[in-house]
Amino acid sequence: MTRISRSLALLIFLCEAIAFAASFSTNLAAHPHASVPLGILWLMVRYFTIWTNSLVGVLFGVMLWRKRLFSPALLAALTLWMIIVGAVYHLLLAGDEPLHGLDWLENFLYHTAVPILLPIWWLIFAPKRALQWRDAALWLIWPLIYLVYAEIRGLETGFYPYFFLNLTQLGWNGLAIWCAQFVIAFWIGGLVIIALGRAMAWLRLTR
């Protein structure tokens, strides 16, 4: 990793660390009777946003410590998942009510800052020559694991983190339609990222 690459990677890691701390604090304030830390963490991991941002934070921390990049496929997958996190929030979930304090900070870092910074880092610094078309299908595993988890947890607790996963309101047919749309979006997004990476490699703009 070059000095500039490490600097931007460090910024992404710090954004994730600060956002996680802010999220932990807001959940603790909202649920003062939950056990600490496991009860708070259990509340946080209801959301795909937390899953994906936490994964990015951990892996970028490991990269900074090792001073060595992960595989091109994994780095591209992280980029795809983070773009989806930002896009879904701003297109489907963002409300009109303004946020304040730690709520605003957490929301901005998780849904705007990192979904912008990570693709920039990937475009400039991540190796892309080894990306393969089949990777787009493999990148569906992460959101599909979360989907199964969210539905099982929803059936057990009655709480669904997103309206498009709410089996109680949507029914099985409605849920299937939403899930199919997201699977297609993830797959097409993956193909676009692979095409971009391979084009940059062909033009000798990346490794």
N, C-alpha and C. Protein backbone atom coordinates (compact mmCIF):
# COMPACT_ATOMS: atom_id res chain seq x y z
N MET A 1 0.84 -1.20 0.00
CA MET A 1 0.00 0.00 0.00
C MET A 1 0.87 1.25 0.00
N THR A 2 0.54 2.20 -0.85
CA THR A 2 1.27 3.45 -0.88
C THR A 2 0.83 4.35 0.28
N ARG A 3 1.58 5.43 0.48
CA ARG A 3 1.25 6.34 1.58
C ARG A 3 -0.13 6.96 1.38
N ILE A 4 -0.45 7.36 0.15
CA ILE A 4 -1.75 7.97 -0.11
C ILE A 4 -2.86 6.94 0.07
N SER A 5 -2.62 5.72 -0.41
CA SER A 5 -3.60 4.66 -0.24
C SER A 5 -3.86 4.39 1.24
N ARG A 6 -2.80 4.32 2.03
CA ARG A 6 -2.97 4.09 3.47
C ARG A 6 -3.70 5.25 4.14
N SER A 7 -3.43 6.46 3.70
CA SER A 7 -4.07 7.63 4.31
C SER A 7 -5.58 7.60 4.08
N LEU A 8 -6.00 7.31 2.85
CA LEU A 8 -7.43 7.26 2.58
C LEU A 8 -8.07 6.04 3.25
N ALA A 9 -7.35 4.93 3.28
CA ALA A 9 -7.85 3.74 3.97
C ALA A 9 -8.01 4.03 5.46
N LEU A 10 -7.08 4.78 6.04
CA LEU A 10 -7.17 5.15 7.45
C LEU A 10 -8.39 6.04 7.69
N LEU A 11 -8.66 6.95 6.77
CA LEU A 11 -9.84 7.81 6.91
C LEU A 11 -11.11 6.97 6.90
N ILE A 12 -11.18 5.98 6.01
CA ILE A 12 -12.34 5.09 5.96
C ILE A 12 -12.47 4.32 7.26
N PHE A 13 -11.36 3.79 7.75
CA PHE A 13 -11.39 3.05 9.02
C PHE A 13 -11.85 3.94 10.16
N LEU A 14 -11.36 5.17 10.23
CA LEU A 14 -11.76 6.08 11.31
C LEU A 14 -13.24 6.43 11.22
N CYS A 15 -13.73 6.63 10.00
CA CYS A 15 -15.16 6.89 9.82
C CYS A 15 -15.98 5.73 10.37
N GLU A 16 -15.54 4.51 10.07
CA GLU A 16 -16.26 3.34 10.56
C GLU A 16 -16.20 3.24 12.08
N ALA A 17 -15.04 3.50 12.65
CA ALA A 17 -14.89 3.41 14.11
C ALA A 17 -15.75 4.45 14.82
N ILE A 18 -15.74 5.67 14.31
CA ILE A 18 -16.53 6.74 14.92
C ILE A 18 -18.02 6.45 14.76
N ALA A 19 -18.42 6.00 13.58
CA ALA A 19 -19.83 5.68 13.35
C ALA A 19 -20.30 4.55 14.27
N PHE A 20 -19.46 3.54 14.45
CA PHE A 20 -19.82 2.42 15.32
C PHE A 20 -19.99 2.90 16.76
N ALA A 21 -19.06 3.73 17.22
CA ALA A 21 -19.15 4.26 18.58
C ALA A 21 -20.41 5.12 18.75
N ALA A 22 -20.72 5.94 17.74
CA ALA A 22 -21.92 6.77 17.79
C ALA A 22 -23.17 5.90 17.82
N SER A 23 -23.19 4.86 16.99
CA SER A 23 -24.34 3.96 16.95
C SER A 23 -24.51 3.23 18.28
N PHE A 24 -23.42 2.79 18.85
CA PHE A 24 -23.47 2.11 20.15
C PHE A 24 -24.05 3.06 21.21
N SER A 25 -23.60 4.32 21.19
CA SER A 25 -24.06 5.30 22.19
C SER A 25 -25.55 5.61 22.02
N THR A 26 -26.00 5.79 20.78
CA THR A 26 -27.42 6.10 20.56
C THR A 26 -28.31 4.92 20.93
N ASN A 27 -27.86 3.71 20.64
CA ASN A 27 -28.65 2.54 21.03
C ASN A 27 -28.68 2.37 22.54
N LEU A 28 -27.58 2.69 23.20
CA LEU A 28 -27.54 2.61 24.66
C LEU A 28 -28.49 3.63 25.27
N ALA A 29 -28.53 4.83 24.70
CA ALA A 29 -29.44 5.85 25.20
C ALA A 29 -30.90 5.47 24.96
N ALA A 30 -31.17 4.84 23.81
CA ALA A 30 -32.55 4.46 23.48
C ALA A 30 -33.01 3.22 24.23
N HIS A 31 -32.07 2.37 24.63
CA HIS A 31 -32.40 1.12 25.33
C HIS A 31 -31.53 0.99 26.58
N PRO A 32 -31.77 1.85 27.59
CA PRO A 32 -30.88 1.88 28.77
C PRO A 32 -30.90 0.58 29.58
N HIS A 33 -31.93 -0.24 29.39
CA HIS A 33 -32.02 -1.47 30.18
C HIS A 33 -31.40 -2.67 29.48
N ALA A 34 -30.89 -2.46 28.27
CA ALA A 34 -30.23 -3.56 27.55
C ALA A 34 -28.87 -3.83 28.20
N SER A 35 -28.48 -5.09 28.16
CA SER A 35 -27.18 -5.44 28.73
C SER A 35 -26.06 -4.85 27.89
N VAL A 36 -24.96 -4.53 28.53
CA VAL A 36 -23.81 -3.92 27.86
C VAL A 36 -22.63 -4.88 27.97
N PRO A 37 -21.93 -5.16 26.85
CA PRO A 37 -22.17 -4.65 25.50
C PRO A 37 -23.03 -5.56 24.62
N LEU A 38 -23.26 -6.82 25.07
CA LEU A 38 -23.88 -7.79 24.17
C LEU A 38 -25.29 -7.40 23.78
N GLY A 39 -26.06 -6.87 24.71
CA GLY A 39 -27.42 -6.49 24.39
C GLY A 39 -27.49 -5.37 23.38
N ILE A 40 -26.59 -4.41 23.50
CA ILE A 40 -26.53 -3.29 22.54
C ILE A 40 -26.09 -3.80 21.17
N LEU A 41 -25.08 -4.66 21.16
CA LEU A 41 -24.62 -5.22 19.89
C LEU A 41 -25.71 -6.04 19.22
N TRP A 42 -26.49 -6.76 20.01
CA TRP A 42 -27.59 -7.55 19.46
C TRP A 42 -28.63 -6.65 18.79
N LEU A 43 -28.87 -5.47 19.37
CA LEU A 43 -29.79 -4.52 18.75
C LEU A 43 -29.19 -3.95 17.47
N MET A 44 -27.91 -3.68 17.45
CA MET A 44 -27.27 -3.06 16.30
C MET A 44 -27.24 -3.98 15.09
N VAL A 45 -27.02 -5.26 15.31
CA VAL A 45 -26.81 -6.16 14.17
C VAL A 45 -28.12 -6.60 13.51
N ARG A 46 -29.19 -5.85 13.77
CA ARG A 46 -30.43 -6.09 13.02
C ARG A 46 -30.32 -5.57 11.59
N TYR A 47 -29.36 -4.68 11.35
CA TYR A 47 -29.35 -3.91 10.10
C TYR A 47 -28.21 -4.32 9.18
N PHE A 48 -28.52 -4.38 7.88
CA PHE A 48 -27.50 -4.66 6.87
C PHE A 48 -26.45 -3.56 6.85
N THR A 49 -26.85 -2.33 7.14
CA THR A 49 -25.90 -1.22 7.23
C THR A 49 -24.81 -1.52 8.24
N ILE A 50 -25.20 -2.00 9.40
CA ILE A 50 -24.22 -2.31 10.45
C ILE A 50 -23.36 -3.50 10.04
N TRP A 51 -23.98 -4.50 9.47
CA TRP A 51 -23.22 -5.66 8.99
C TRP A 51 -22.10 -5.22 8.05
N THR A 52 -22.49 -4.48 7.03
CA THR A 52 -21.55 -4.17 5.95
C THR A 52 -20.52 -3.15 6.39
N ASN A 53 -20.94 -2.12 7.09
CA ASN A 53 -19.97 -1.13 7.56
C ASN A 53 -19.00 -1.73 8.56
N SER A 54 -19.47 -2.59 9.41
CA SER A 54 -18.57 -3.24 10.38
C SER A 54 -17.56 -4.12 9.67
N LEU A 55 -18.01 -4.84 8.65
CA LEU A 55 -17.08 -5.66 7.86
C LEU A 55 -16.02 -4.80 7.20
N VAL A 56 -16.43 -3.68 6.62
CA VAL A 56 -15.47 -2.77 5.99
C VAL A 56 -14.48 -2.24 7.03
N GLY A 57 -14.98 -1.84 8.19
CA GLY A 57 -14.10 -1.32 9.23
C GLY A 57 -13.06 -2.33 9.68
N VAL A 58 -13.52 -3.57 9.91
CA VAL A 58 -12.60 -4.62 10.36
C VAL A 58 -11.56 -4.93 9.29
N LEU A 59 -12.00 -5.11 8.04
CA LEU A 59 -11.06 -5.49 6.99
C LEU A 59 -10.09 -4.36 6.66
N PHE A 60 -10.55 -3.12 6.69
CA PHE A 60 -9.63 -2.02 6.46
C PHE A 60 -8.65 -1.87 7.61
N GLY A 61 -9.08 -2.16 8.81
CA GLY A 61 -8.16 -2.17 9.94
C GLY A 61 -7.08 -3.23 9.79
N VAL A 62 -7.50 -4.42 9.32
CA VAL A 62 -6.53 -5.50 9.09
C VAL A 62 -5.56 -5.11 7.98
N MET A 63 -6.07 -4.50 6.90
CA MET A 63 -5.18 -4.09 5.80
C MET A 63 -4.16 -3.07 6.28
N LEU A 64 -4.60 -2.12 7.09
CA LEU A 64 -3.68 -1.11 7.60
C LEU A 64 -2.62 -1.74 8.49
N TRP A 65 -3.02 -2.71 9.28
CA TRP A 65 -2.08 -3.37 10.19
C TRP A 65 -1.07 -4.22 9.41
N ARG A 66 -1.58 -4.95 8.41
CA ARG A 66 -0.71 -5.83 7.61
C ARG A 66 0.04 -5.09 6.51
N LYS A 67 -0.47 -3.88 6.15
CA LYS A 67 0.09 -3.09 5.04
C LYS A 67 0.05 -3.89 3.74
N ARG A 68 -1.03 -4.64 3.57
CA ARG A 68 -1.18 -5.47 2.39
C ARG A 68 -2.66 -5.56 2.04
N LEU A 69 -2.98 -5.48 0.75
CA LEU A 69 -4.36 -5.48 0.30
C LEU A 69 -4.95 -6.88 0.29
N PHE A 70 -6.27 -6.94 0.42
CA PHE A 70 -6.98 -8.19 0.20
C PHE A 70 -7.12 -8.43 -1.30
N SER A 71 -7.77 -9.52 -1.65
CA SER A 71 -7.90 -9.90 -3.06
C SER A 71 -8.75 -8.86 -3.80
N PRO A 72 -8.52 -8.72 -5.12
CA PRO A 72 -9.34 -7.80 -5.91
C PRO A 72 -10.83 -8.09 -5.81
N ALA A 73 -11.21 -9.37 -5.78
CA ALA A 73 -12.62 -9.73 -5.70
C ALA A 73 -13.25 -9.26 -4.40
N LEU A 74 -12.55 -9.43 -3.28
CA LEU A 74 -13.09 -9.01 -1.99
C LEU A 74 -13.20 -7.49 -1.91
N LEU A 75 -12.20 -6.78 -2.39
CA LEU A 75 -12.24 -5.32 -2.36
C LEU A 75 -13.37 -4.78 -3.24
N ALA A 76 -13.58 -5.40 -4.39
CA ALA A 76 -14.67 -4.97 -5.26
C ALA A 76 -16.03 -5.30 -4.63
N ALA A 77 -16.11 -6.44 -3.94
CA ALA A 77 -17.36 -6.81 -3.27
C ALA A 77 -17.70 -5.80 -2.18
N LEU A 78 -16.73 -5.43 -1.37
CA LEU A 78 -16.96 -4.42 -0.34
C LEU A 78 -17.48 -3.12 -0.95
N THR A 79 -16.90 -2.76 -2.08
CA THR A 79 -17.32 -1.53 -2.77
C THR A 79 -18.76 -1.64 -3.23
N LEU A 80 -19.12 -2.76 -3.85
CA LEU A 80 -20.49 -2.96 -4.31
C LEU A 80 -21.47 -2.89 -3.15
N TRP A 81 -21.20 -3.63 -2.09
CA TRP A 81 -22.12 -3.66 -0.96
C TRP A 81 -22.28 -2.29 -0.32
N MET A 82 -21.19 -1.52 -0.25
CA MET A 82 -21.28 -0.21 0.35
C MET A 82 -22.05 0.77 -0.54
N ILE A 83 -21.88 0.65 -1.85
CA ILE A 83 -22.67 1.49 -2.76
C ILE A 83 -24.15 1.20 -2.60
N ILE A 84 -24.51 -0.08 -2.47
CA ILE A 84 -25.90 -0.46 -2.28
C ILE A 84 -26.44 0.10 -0.97
N VAL A 85 -25.64 0.04 0.09
CA VAL A 85 -26.05 0.61 1.38
C VAL A 85 -26.42 2.08 1.23
N GLY A 86 -25.54 2.85 0.60
CA GLY A 86 -25.80 4.26 0.42
C GLY A 86 -26.99 4.52 -0.49
N ALA A 87 -27.07 3.79 -1.59
CA ALA A 87 -28.14 4.01 -2.57
C ALA A 87 -29.51 3.67 -1.98
N VAL A 88 -29.61 2.52 -1.30
CA VAL A 88 -30.90 2.11 -0.74
C VAL A 88 -31.36 3.12 0.32
N TYR A 89 -30.42 3.56 1.14
CA TYR A 89 -30.81 4.54 2.17
C TYR A 89 -31.34 5.82 1.53
N HIS A 90 -30.60 6.39 0.62
CA HIS A 90 -30.98 7.69 0.07
C HIS A 90 -32.19 7.60 -0.87
N LEU A 91 -32.40 6.45 -1.49
CA LEU A 91 -33.52 6.31 -2.41
C LEU A 91 -34.79 5.81 -1.74
N LEU A 92 -34.66 4.99 -0.69
CA LEU A 92 -35.83 4.33 -0.12
C LEU A 92 -36.08 4.61 1.36
N LEU A 93 -35.05 4.93 2.11
CA LEU A 93 -35.20 4.95 3.56
C LEU A 93 -35.07 6.33 4.21
N ALA A 94 -34.38 7.24 3.58
CA ALA A 94 -34.14 8.55 4.20
C ALA A 94 -35.47 9.29 4.41
N GLY A 95 -35.67 9.76 5.64
CA GLY A 95 -36.89 10.50 5.95
C GLY A 95 -36.67 12.00 5.88
N ASP A 96 -37.76 12.72 6.04
CA ASP A 96 -37.70 14.19 5.98
C ASP A 96 -37.33 14.81 7.33
N GLU A 97 -37.46 14.03 8.40
CA GLU A 97 -37.18 14.58 9.72
C GLU A 97 -35.67 14.72 9.92
N PRO A 98 -35.21 15.94 10.26
CA PRO A 98 -33.77 16.15 10.42
C PRO A 98 -33.22 15.42 11.63
N LEU A 99 -32.00 14.93 11.50
CA LEU A 99 -31.31 14.26 12.60
C LEU A 99 -30.36 15.23 13.28
N HIS A 100 -30.04 14.91 14.53
CA HIS A 100 -29.17 15.79 15.30
C HIS A 100 -28.15 14.97 16.09
N GLY A 101 -27.05 15.62 16.43
CA GLY A 101 -26.05 15.03 17.31
C GLY A 101 -25.48 13.73 16.79
N LEU A 102 -25.39 12.74 17.68
CA LEU A 102 -24.80 11.46 17.32
C LEU A 102 -25.63 10.73 16.28
N ASP A 103 -26.95 10.93 16.31
CA ASP A 103 -27.79 10.30 15.29
C ASP A 103 -27.40 10.78 13.89
N TRP A 104 -27.19 12.10 13.77
CA TRP A 104 -26.79 12.65 12.47
C TRP A 104 -25.41 12.14 12.08
N LEU A 105 -24.47 12.12 13.05
CA LEU A 105 -23.10 11.71 12.75
C LEU A 105 -23.07 10.27 12.28
N GLU A 106 -23.73 9.40 13.02
CA GLU A 106 -23.77 7.98 12.64
C GLU A 106 -24.38 7.81 11.26
N ASN A 107 -25.50 8.46 11.03
CA ASN A 107 -26.20 8.33 9.76
C ASN A 107 -25.35 8.85 8.60
N PHE A 108 -24.70 9.99 8.78
CA PHE A 108 -23.88 10.57 7.72
C PHE A 108 -22.69 9.69 7.40
N LEU A 109 -22.01 9.18 8.40
CA LEU A 109 -20.82 8.37 8.16
C LEU A 109 -21.18 7.04 7.51
N TYR A 110 -22.21 6.39 8.03
CA TYR A 110 -22.59 5.07 7.53
C TYR A 110 -23.19 5.13 6.12
N HIS A 111 -24.04 6.11 5.87
CA HIS A 111 -24.83 6.11 4.64
C HIS A 111 -24.35 7.06 3.56
N THR A 112 -23.44 7.97 3.90
CA THR A 112 -22.98 8.94 2.90
C THR A 112 -21.46 8.96 2.78
N ALA A 113 -20.76 9.18 3.89
CA ALA A 113 -19.31 9.35 3.83
C ALA A 113 -18.60 8.10 3.31
N VAL A 114 -18.81 6.97 3.97
CA VAL A 114 -18.11 5.75 3.56
C VAL A 114 -18.59 5.26 2.18
N PRO A 115 -19.90 5.31 1.87
CA PRO A 115 -20.31 4.93 0.51
C PRO A 115 -19.74 5.81 -0.59
N ILE A 116 -19.20 6.96 -0.25
CA ILE A 116 -18.50 7.79 -1.24
C ILE A 116 -17.00 7.52 -1.20
N LEU A 117 -16.43 7.47 0.00
CA LEU A 117 -14.98 7.31 0.14
C LEU A 117 -14.49 5.95 -0.34
N LEU A 118 -15.24 4.90 -0.05
CA LEU A 118 -14.77 3.56 -0.42
C LEU A 118 -14.71 3.37 -1.94
N PRO A 119 -15.74 3.75 -2.72
CA PRO A 119 -15.60 3.64 -4.18
C PRO A 119 -14.46 4.49 -4.74
N ILE A 120 -14.21 5.66 -4.15
CA ILE A 120 -13.08 6.48 -4.59
C ILE A 120 -11.78 5.74 -4.35
N TRP A 121 -11.63 5.17 -3.15
CA TRP A 121 -10.42 4.41 -2.82
C TRP A 121 -10.27 3.24 -3.78
N TRP A 122 -11.39 2.53 -4.04
CA TRP A 122 -11.33 1.36 -4.93
C TRP A 122 -10.91 1.77 -6.34
N LEU A 123 -11.49 2.84 -6.86
CA LEU A 123 -11.16 3.29 -8.22
C LEU A 123 -9.69 3.62 -8.37
N ILE A 124 -9.11 4.25 -7.36
CA ILE A 124 -7.74 4.75 -7.48
C ILE A 124 -6.70 3.69 -7.10
N PHE A 125 -6.98 2.92 -6.06
CA PHE A 125 -5.91 2.11 -5.47
C PHE A 125 -6.10 0.59 -5.56
N ALA A 126 -7.31 0.10 -5.70
CA ALA A 126 -7.51 -1.35 -5.66
C ALA A 126 -7.10 -2.02 -6.97
N PRO A 127 -6.45 -3.17 -6.90
CA PRO A 127 -6.15 -3.94 -8.13
C PRO A 127 -7.44 -4.49 -8.71
N LYS A 128 -7.53 -4.52 -10.03
CA LYS A 128 -8.79 -4.92 -10.68
C LYS A 128 -8.58 -5.93 -11.81
N ARG A 129 -7.37 -6.17 -12.21
CA ARG A 129 -7.11 -6.99 -13.39
C ARG A 129 -7.64 -8.42 -13.22
N ALA A 130 -7.67 -8.93 -12.00
CA ALA A 130 -8.05 -10.32 -11.78
C ALA A 130 -9.55 -10.53 -11.62
N LEU A 131 -10.35 -9.49 -11.73
CA LEU A 131 -11.79 -9.64 -11.58
C LEU A 131 -12.36 -10.53 -12.67
N GLN A 132 -13.29 -11.42 -12.28
CA GLN A 132 -13.92 -12.35 -13.21
C GLN A 132 -15.43 -12.15 -13.18
N TRP A 133 -16.10 -12.46 -14.29
CA TRP A 133 -17.55 -12.26 -14.37
C TRP A 133 -18.28 -13.10 -13.33
N ARG A 134 -17.77 -14.26 -12.99
CA ARG A 134 -18.45 -15.12 -12.03
C ARG A 134 -18.45 -14.51 -10.63
N ASP A 135 -17.56 -13.53 -10.39
CA ASP A 135 -17.52 -12.90 -9.07
C ASP A 135 -18.85 -12.23 -8.72
N ALA A 136 -19.56 -11.72 -9.72
CA ALA A 136 -20.82 -11.03 -9.45
C ALA A 136 -21.83 -11.95 -8.77
N ALA A 137 -21.83 -13.23 -9.14
CA ALA A 137 -22.73 -14.20 -8.50
C ALA A 137 -22.26 -14.51 -7.09
N LEU A 138 -20.96 -14.64 -6.89
CA LEU A 138 -20.43 -14.92 -5.55
C LEU A 138 -20.71 -13.78 -4.58
N TRP A 139 -20.75 -12.57 -5.08
CA TRP A 139 -20.99 -11.41 -4.21
C TRP A 139 -22.42 -11.35 -3.71
N LEU A 140 -23.30 -12.20 -4.22
CA LEU A 140 -24.67 -12.26 -3.72
C LEU A 140 -24.76 -13.00 -2.39
N ILE A 141 -23.72 -13.73 -2.03
CA ILE A 141 -23.78 -14.56 -0.82
C ILE A 141 -23.99 -13.70 0.42
N TRP A 142 -23.25 -12.59 0.53
CA TRP A 142 -23.34 -11.74 1.72
C TRP A 142 -24.77 -11.22 1.93
N PRO A 143 -25.38 -10.53 0.95
CA PRO A 143 -26.75 -10.06 1.17
C PRO A 143 -27.76 -11.19 1.36
N LEU A 144 -27.54 -12.34 0.73
CA LEU A 144 -28.47 -13.45 0.91
C LEU A 144 -28.38 -14.02 2.33
N ILE A 145 -27.17 -14.08 2.88
CA ILE A 145 -27.02 -14.52 4.27
C ILE A 145 -27.77 -13.56 5.20
N TYR A 146 -27.60 -12.26 4.95
CA TYR A 146 -28.29 -11.28 5.78
C TYR A 146 -29.80 -11.43 5.63
N LEU A 147 -30.28 -11.64 4.41
CA LEU A 147 -31.71 -11.78 4.18
C LEU A 147 -32.29 -12.92 5.00
N VAL A 148 -31.65 -14.08 4.96
CA VAL A 148 -32.13 -15.23 5.73
C VAL A 148 -32.11 -14.90 7.21
N TYR A 149 -31.02 -14.28 7.68
CA TYR A 149 -30.90 -13.90 9.08
C TYR A 149 -32.02 -12.94 9.49
N ALA A 150 -32.25 -11.90 8.69
CA ALA A 150 -33.24 -10.88 9.03
C ALA A 150 -34.64 -11.48 9.09
N GLU A 151 -34.95 -12.40 8.17
CA GLU A 151 -36.29 -12.98 8.16
C GLU A 151 -36.47 -13.93 9.35
N ILE A 152 -35.46 -14.73 9.65
CA ILE A 152 -35.56 -15.62 10.82
C ILE A 152 -35.71 -14.80 12.09
N ARG A 153 -34.91 -13.76 12.20
CA ARG A 153 -35.01 -12.91 13.39
C ARG A 153 -36.36 -12.20 13.44
N GLY A 154 -36.86 -11.77 12.29
CA GLY A 154 -38.16 -11.12 12.26
C GLY A 154 -39.28 -12.04 12.67
N LEU A 155 -39.23 -13.30 12.21
CA LEU A 155 -40.24 -14.28 12.59
C LEU A 155 -40.20 -14.56 14.09
N GLU A 156 -39.00 -14.50 14.67
CA GLU A 156 -38.85 -14.78 16.10
C GLU A 156 -39.28 -13.60 16.96
N THR A 157 -38.94 -12.37 16.52
CA THR A 157 -39.14 -11.19 17.37
C THR A 157 -40.30 -10.30 16.92
N GLY A 158 -40.72 -10.44 15.66
CA GLY A 158 -41.74 -9.55 15.14
C GLY A 158 -41.21 -8.22 14.65
N PHE A 159 -39.89 -8.02 14.72
CA PHE A 159 -39.29 -6.77 14.26
C PHE A 159 -38.55 -7.00 12.95
N TYR A 160 -38.91 -6.19 11.94
CA TYR A 160 -38.23 -6.24 10.65
C TYR A 160 -37.52 -4.91 10.43
N PRO A 161 -36.22 -4.93 10.17
CA PRO A 161 -35.45 -3.69 10.12
C PRO A 161 -35.78 -2.77 8.95
N TYR A 162 -36.32 -3.31 7.87
CA TYR A 162 -36.64 -2.52 6.68
C TYR A 162 -38.04 -2.88 6.18
N PHE A 163 -38.75 -1.90 5.67
CA PHE A 163 -40.13 -2.15 5.22
C PHE A 163 -40.18 -3.19 4.11
N PHE A 164 -39.14 -3.26 3.28
CA PHE A 164 -39.16 -4.20 2.17
C PHE A 164 -38.79 -5.63 2.58
N LEU A 165 -38.56 -5.83 3.88
CA LEU A 165 -38.34 -7.18 4.40
C LEU A 165 -39.43 -7.60 5.37
N ASN A 166 -40.45 -6.76 5.52
CA ASN A 166 -41.49 -7.00 6.52
C ASN A 166 -42.48 -8.05 6.01
N LEU A 167 -42.24 -9.27 6.39
CA LEU A 167 -43.08 -10.38 5.94
C LEU A 167 -44.52 -10.23 6.40
N THR A 168 -44.72 -9.67 7.58
CA THR A 168 -46.08 -9.50 8.12
C THR A 168 -46.91 -8.60 7.22
N GLN A 169 -46.32 -7.53 6.73
CA GLN A 169 -47.05 -6.58 5.89
C GLN A 169 -47.06 -6.98 4.42
N LEU A 170 -45.98 -7.54 3.94
CA LEU A 170 -45.85 -7.84 2.52
C LEU A 170 -46.43 -9.18 2.12
N GLY A 171 -46.39 -10.14 3.02
CA GLY A 171 -46.72 -11.51 2.67
C GLY A 171 -45.57 -12.13 1.89
N TRP A 172 -45.67 -13.43 1.66
CA TRP A 172 -44.57 -14.12 0.99
C TRP A 172 -44.37 -13.63 -0.45
N ASN A 173 -45.47 -13.36 -1.15
CA ASN A 173 -45.34 -12.89 -2.54
C ASN A 173 -44.68 -11.52 -2.61
N GLY A 174 -45.11 -10.61 -1.76
CA GLY A 174 -44.51 -9.27 -1.74
C GLY A 174 -43.04 -9.32 -1.35
N LEU A 175 -42.74 -10.16 -0.35
CA LEU A 175 -41.34 -10.31 0.06
C LEU A 175 -40.50 -10.88 -1.08
N ALA A 176 -41.04 -11.86 -1.78
CA ALA A 176 -40.30 -12.48 -2.88
C ALA A 176 -40.01 -11.47 -3.98
N ILE A 177 -40.96 -10.60 -4.26
CA ILE A 177 -40.75 -9.58 -5.30
C ILE A 177 -39.63 -8.62 -4.91
N TRP A 178 -39.69 -8.14 -3.66
CA TRP A 178 -38.63 -7.23 -3.20
C TRP A 178 -37.28 -7.92 -3.20
N CYS A 179 -37.22 -9.15 -2.73
CA CYS A 179 -35.94 -9.87 -2.67
C CYS A 179 -35.39 -10.08 -4.08
N ALA A 180 -36.26 -10.43 -5.02
CA ALA A 180 -35.81 -10.63 -6.39
C ALA A 180 -35.25 -9.34 -6.97
N GLN A 181 -35.89 -8.22 -6.67
CA GLN A 181 -35.41 -6.94 -7.16
C GLN A 181 -34.02 -6.63 -6.60
N PHE A 182 -33.83 -6.91 -5.32
CA PHE A 182 -32.53 -6.62 -4.72
C PHE A 182 -31.44 -7.57 -5.23
N VAL A 183 -31.78 -8.83 -5.41
CA VAL A 183 -30.79 -9.77 -5.96
C VAL A 183 -30.36 -9.32 -7.35
N ILE A 184 -31.31 -8.92 -8.17
CA ILE A 184 -30.99 -8.45 -9.51
C ILE A 184 -30.14 -7.19 -9.45
N ALA A 185 -30.49 -6.28 -8.52
CA ALA A 185 -29.72 -5.03 -8.39
C ALA A 185 -28.28 -5.31 -7.96
N PHE A 186 -28.10 -6.22 -6.99
CA PHE A 186 -26.76 -6.59 -6.56
C PHE A 186 -25.98 -7.23 -7.70
N TRP A 187 -26.64 -8.12 -8.44
CA TRP A 187 -25.96 -8.83 -9.52
C TRP A 187 -25.56 -7.87 -10.65
N ILE A 188 -26.49 -7.01 -11.07
CA ILE A 188 -26.17 -6.05 -12.12
C ILE A 188 -25.11 -5.07 -11.65
N GLY A 189 -25.22 -4.61 -10.41
CA GLY A 189 -24.19 -3.73 -9.86
C GLY A 189 -22.83 -4.38 -9.87
N GLY A 190 -22.80 -5.68 -9.52
CA GLY A 190 -21.54 -6.41 -9.56
C GLY A 190 -20.96 -6.50 -10.95
N LEU A 191 -21.82 -6.75 -11.92
CA LEU A 191 -21.35 -6.81 -13.31
C LEU A 191 -20.80 -5.46 -13.78
N VAL A 192 -21.44 -4.38 -13.37
CA VAL A 192 -20.96 -3.05 -13.75
C VAL A 192 -19.58 -2.79 -13.15
N ILE A 193 -19.41 -3.15 -11.88
CA ILE A 193 -18.11 -2.94 -11.23
C ILE A 193 -17.03 -3.78 -11.91
N ILE A 194 -17.37 -5.03 -12.24
CA ILE A 194 -16.40 -5.89 -12.92
C ILE A 194 -16.04 -5.32 -14.29
N ALA A 195 -17.05 -4.88 -15.03
CA ALA A 195 -16.80 -4.30 -16.35
C ALA A 195 -15.92 -3.07 -16.25
N LEU A 196 -16.20 -2.23 -15.25
CA LEU A 196 -15.38 -1.03 -15.05
C LEU A 196 -13.95 -1.40 -14.71
N GLY A 197 -13.79 -2.36 -13.78
CA GLY A 197 -12.45 -2.78 -13.39
C GLY A 197 -11.66 -3.38 -14.54
N ARG A 198 -12.31 -4.23 -15.33
CA ARG A 198 -11.62 -4.86 -16.46
C ARG A 198 -11.28 -3.83 -17.54
N ALA A 199 -12.17 -2.85 -17.72
CA ALA A 199 -11.88 -1.80 -18.70
C ALA A 199 -10.69 -0.96 -18.25
N MET A 200 -10.62 -0.65 -16.96
CA MET A 200 -9.48 0.11 -16.45
C MET A 200 -8.19 -0.68 -16.57
N ALA A 201 -8.28 -2.00 -16.35
CA ALA A 201 -7.09 -2.84 -16.50
C ALA A 201 -6.66 -2.89 -17.96
N TRP A 202 -7.62 -3.01 -18.89
CA TRP A 202 -7.31 -3.04 -20.32
C TRP A 202 -6.66 -1.74 -20.76
N LEU A 203 -7.10 -0.63 -20.19
CA LEU A 203 -6.51 0.68 -20.51
C LEU A 203 -5.23 0.97 -19.73
N ARG A 204 -4.83 0.00 -18.93
CA ARG A 204 -3.61 0.12 -18.11
C ARG A 204 -3.73 1.27 -17.10
N LEU A 205 -4.94 1.45 -16.58
CA LEU A 205 -5.17 2.47 -15.56
C LEU A 205 -5.13 1.89 -14.16
N THR A 206 -4.95 0.58 -14.07
CA THR A 206 -4.93 -0.09 -12.77
C THR A 206 -4.14 -1.37 -12.90
N ARG A 207 -3.86 -1.96 -11.74
CA ARG A 207 -3.18 -3.24 -11.73
C ARG A 207 -4.17 -4.37 -11.97
